[in-house]
Amino acid sequence: MNQASGDTRTYVVHRDLQVVGYYSLAPGSISKKEATARASKSAPEPIPIVLLARLAVDKAVQGQGLGSGLLKDALQRAYAGAEIIGGRTVLVHAIDAEAARFYRKYGFEICPGFELHLMLLMKDLRATLSALTEQR
């Protein structure tokens, strides 16, 4: 995936010219059989999604709220984009079980058969954004 080709958009946080966090968003689709039951219900085949392709925070600044801040920004942008072009859910491929727990804390649901693939329906985004706002 590459920003120059138009496949993704990447957003970066830096401190003193050092990258400390980033995330990337991309449009995409997923088959109904790979999605959660809630995402599949009454959905077209394939299901239009916004892919949260990457979200990472430098280990030196982990635990300071940067990850949740990046997630909030990513979800706000995903929602705004879906309002314009469509998109039923945000999909993330967590790098490991710890990352999956992070997303689950914010309402993402595990896709059946793919324990590190998680989805958050656009209709559930408001509650997640409220939770992220209350943390700050």
Protein backbone atom coordinates (compact mmCIF):
# COMPACT_ATOMS: atom_id res chain seq x y z
CA MET A 1 0.00 0.00 0.00
CA ASN A 2 1.30 3.36 -0.90
CA GLN A 3 0.21 6.96 -0.45
CA ALA A 4 1.86 8.17 -3.67
CA SER A 5 -0.23 5.74 -5.74
CA GLY A 6 -3.41 6.84 -3.98
CA ASP A 7 -4.00 3.46 -2.33
CA THR A 8 -3.80 4.81 1.23
CA ARG A 9 -3.63 7.98 3.23
CA THR A 10 -1.14 8.05 6.09
CA TYR A 11 -1.26 10.44 9.05
CA VAL A 12 1.83 10.98 11.21
CA VAL A 13 2.51 12.41 14.67
CA HIS A 14 6.02 13.64 15.34
CA ARG A 15 7.88 15.21 18.23
CA ASP A 16 11.13 17.03 17.59
CA LEU A 17 11.13 15.74 14.00
CA GLN A 18 10.92 12.14 15.27
CA VAL A 19 7.93 10.01 14.21
CA VAL A 20 6.18 8.75 17.34
CA GLY A 21 2.96 7.43 15.83
CA TYR A 22 1.03 7.01 12.61
CA TYR A 23 -1.91 5.34 10.96
CA SER A 24 -3.06 4.64 7.42
CA LEU A 25 -6.55 4.41 5.94
CA ALA A 26 -7.63 2.78 2.69
CA PRO A 27 -10.93 1.93 1.02
CA GLY A 28 -11.68 -1.73 0.52
CA SER A 29 -14.17 -4.55 0.69
CA ILE A 30 -14.56 -7.85 2.47
CA SER A 31 -16.69 -10.88 1.68
CA LYS A 32 -19.71 -11.51 3.87
CA LYS A 33 -18.30 -14.88 4.97
CA GLU A 34 -15.24 -13.13 6.45
CA ALA A 35 -17.23 -10.44 8.27
CA THR A 36 -19.01 -10.43 11.60
CA ALA A 37 -22.66 -11.46 11.63
CA ARG A 38 -23.71 -7.89 12.43
CA ALA A 39 -21.71 -6.48 9.51
CA SER A 40 -23.07 -9.12 7.11
CA LYS A 41 -26.74 -8.62 7.96
CA SER A 42 -28.51 -6.98 4.99
CA ALA A 43 -25.13 -6.03 3.50
CA PRO A 44 -24.14 -6.17 -0.17
CA GLU A 45 -21.54 -8.67 -1.39
CA PRO A 46 -18.77 -7.65 -1.01
CA ILE A 47 -19.17 -5.37 2.00
CA PRO A 48 -17.64 -1.90 1.51
CA ILE A 49 -15.17 -1.05 4.28
CA VAL A 50 -12.64 1.49 5.41
CA LEU A 51 -9.42 -0.36 6.22
CA LEU A 52 -7.37 0.91 9.13
CA ALA A 53 -4.26 -0.45 7.44
CA ARG A 54 -1.72 0.51 10.08
CA LEU A 55 -1.74 2.13 13.50
CA ALA A 56 1.50 2.21 15.46
CA VAL A 57 3.01 4.11 18.37
CA ASP A 58 6.71 4.27 19.28
CA LYS A 59 7.40 2.11 22.35
CA ALA A 60 9.00 5.11 24.07
CA VAL A 61 5.65 6.93 24.21
CA GLN A 62 3.25 4.00 24.64
CA GLY A 63 0.85 4.30 27.56
CA GLN A 64 0.52 8.08 27.19
CA GLY A 65 -2.76 8.09 25.24
CA LEU A 66 -1.26 8.59 21.79
CA GLY A 67 -2.68 5.30 20.47
CA SER A 68 -6.22 6.14 21.53
CA GLY A 69 -5.79 9.65 20.14
CA LEU A 70 -4.67 8.26 16.79
CA LEU A 71 -7.56 5.79 16.81
CA LYS A 72 -10.03 8.60 17.49
CA ASP A 73 -8.65 10.65 14.60
CA ALA A 74 -8.67 7.61 12.30
CA LEU A 75 -12.28 6.78 13.16
CA GLN A 76 -13.40 10.38 12.66
CA ARG A 77 -11.78 10.40 9.21
CA ALA A 78 -13.18 6.94 8.37
CA TYR A 79 -16.68 8.06 9.31
CA ALA A 80 -16.39 11.29 7.31
CA GLY A 81 -15.15 9.37 4.28
CA ALA A 82 -17.89 6.77 4.55
CA GLU A 83 -20.48 9.56 4.67
CA ILE A 84 -19.20 10.70 1.26
CA ILE A 85 -18.39 7.45 -0.58
CA GLY A 86 -20.02 4.74 1.54
CA GLY A 87 -18.61 2.15 3.86
CA ARG A 88 -20.36 -0.14 6.27
CA THR A 89 -17.56 -0.86 8.72
CA VAL A 90 -13.98 -0.15 9.74
CA LEU A 91 -11.75 -3.22 9.44
CA VAL A 92 -8.40 -3.63 11.16
CA HIS A 93 -5.87 -6.47 10.99
CA ALA A 94 -4.31 -6.41 14.46
CA ILE A 95 -0.62 -7.27 14.52
CA ASP A 96 -0.97 -9.47 17.62
CA ALA A 97 -3.30 -10.42 20.49
CA GLU A 98 -2.31 -7.35 22.52
CA ALA A 99 -3.27 -5.06 19.64
CA ALA A 100 -6.54 -6.98 19.22
CA ARG A 101 -7.33 -6.34 22.91
CA PHE A 102 -6.72 -2.62 22.33
CA TYR A 103 -9.30 -2.54 19.52
CA ARG A 104 -11.79 -4.72 21.44
CA LYS A 105 -11.68 -2.19 24.27
CA TYR A 106 -13.20 0.30 21.81
CA GLY A 107 -16.00 -1.90 20.52
CA PHE A 108 -14.34 -3.69 17.62
CA GLU A 109 -15.66 -7.24 17.12
CA ILE A 110 -13.57 -10.23 16.05
CA CYS A 111 -14.33 -11.61 12.59
CA PRO A 112 -15.22 -15.33 12.73
CA GLY A 113 -12.22 -17.50 11.92
CA PHE A 114 -9.84 -14.51 11.90
CA GLU A 115 -8.98 -13.70 15.53
CA LEU A 116 -6.76 -10.76 14.55
CA HIS A 117 -9.27 -9.24 12.11
CA LEU A 118 -11.69 -6.91 13.85
CA MET A 119 -14.59 -4.76 12.67
CA LEU A 120 -16.45 -1.75 13.98
CA LEU A 121 -19.73 -0.85 12.30
CA MET A 122 -20.14 2.76 11.24
CA LYS A 123 -23.38 2.86 13.21
CA ASP A 124 -21.39 2.01 16.38
CA LEU A 125 -18.72 4.66 15.76
CA ARG A 126 -20.44 7.41 17.73
CA ALA A 127 -20.30 5.42 20.97
CA THR A 128 -16.66 4.57 20.37
CA LEU A 129 -15.79 8.19 19.62
CA SER A 130 -17.58 9.27 22.81
CA ALA A 131 -15.55 6.75 24.83
CA LEU A 132 -12.33 7.99 23.26
CA THR A 133 -13.27 11.62 23.97
CA GLU A 134 -14.03 10.85 27.63
CA GLN A 135 -10.55 9.36 28.09
CA ARG A 136 -8.79 12.63 27.35
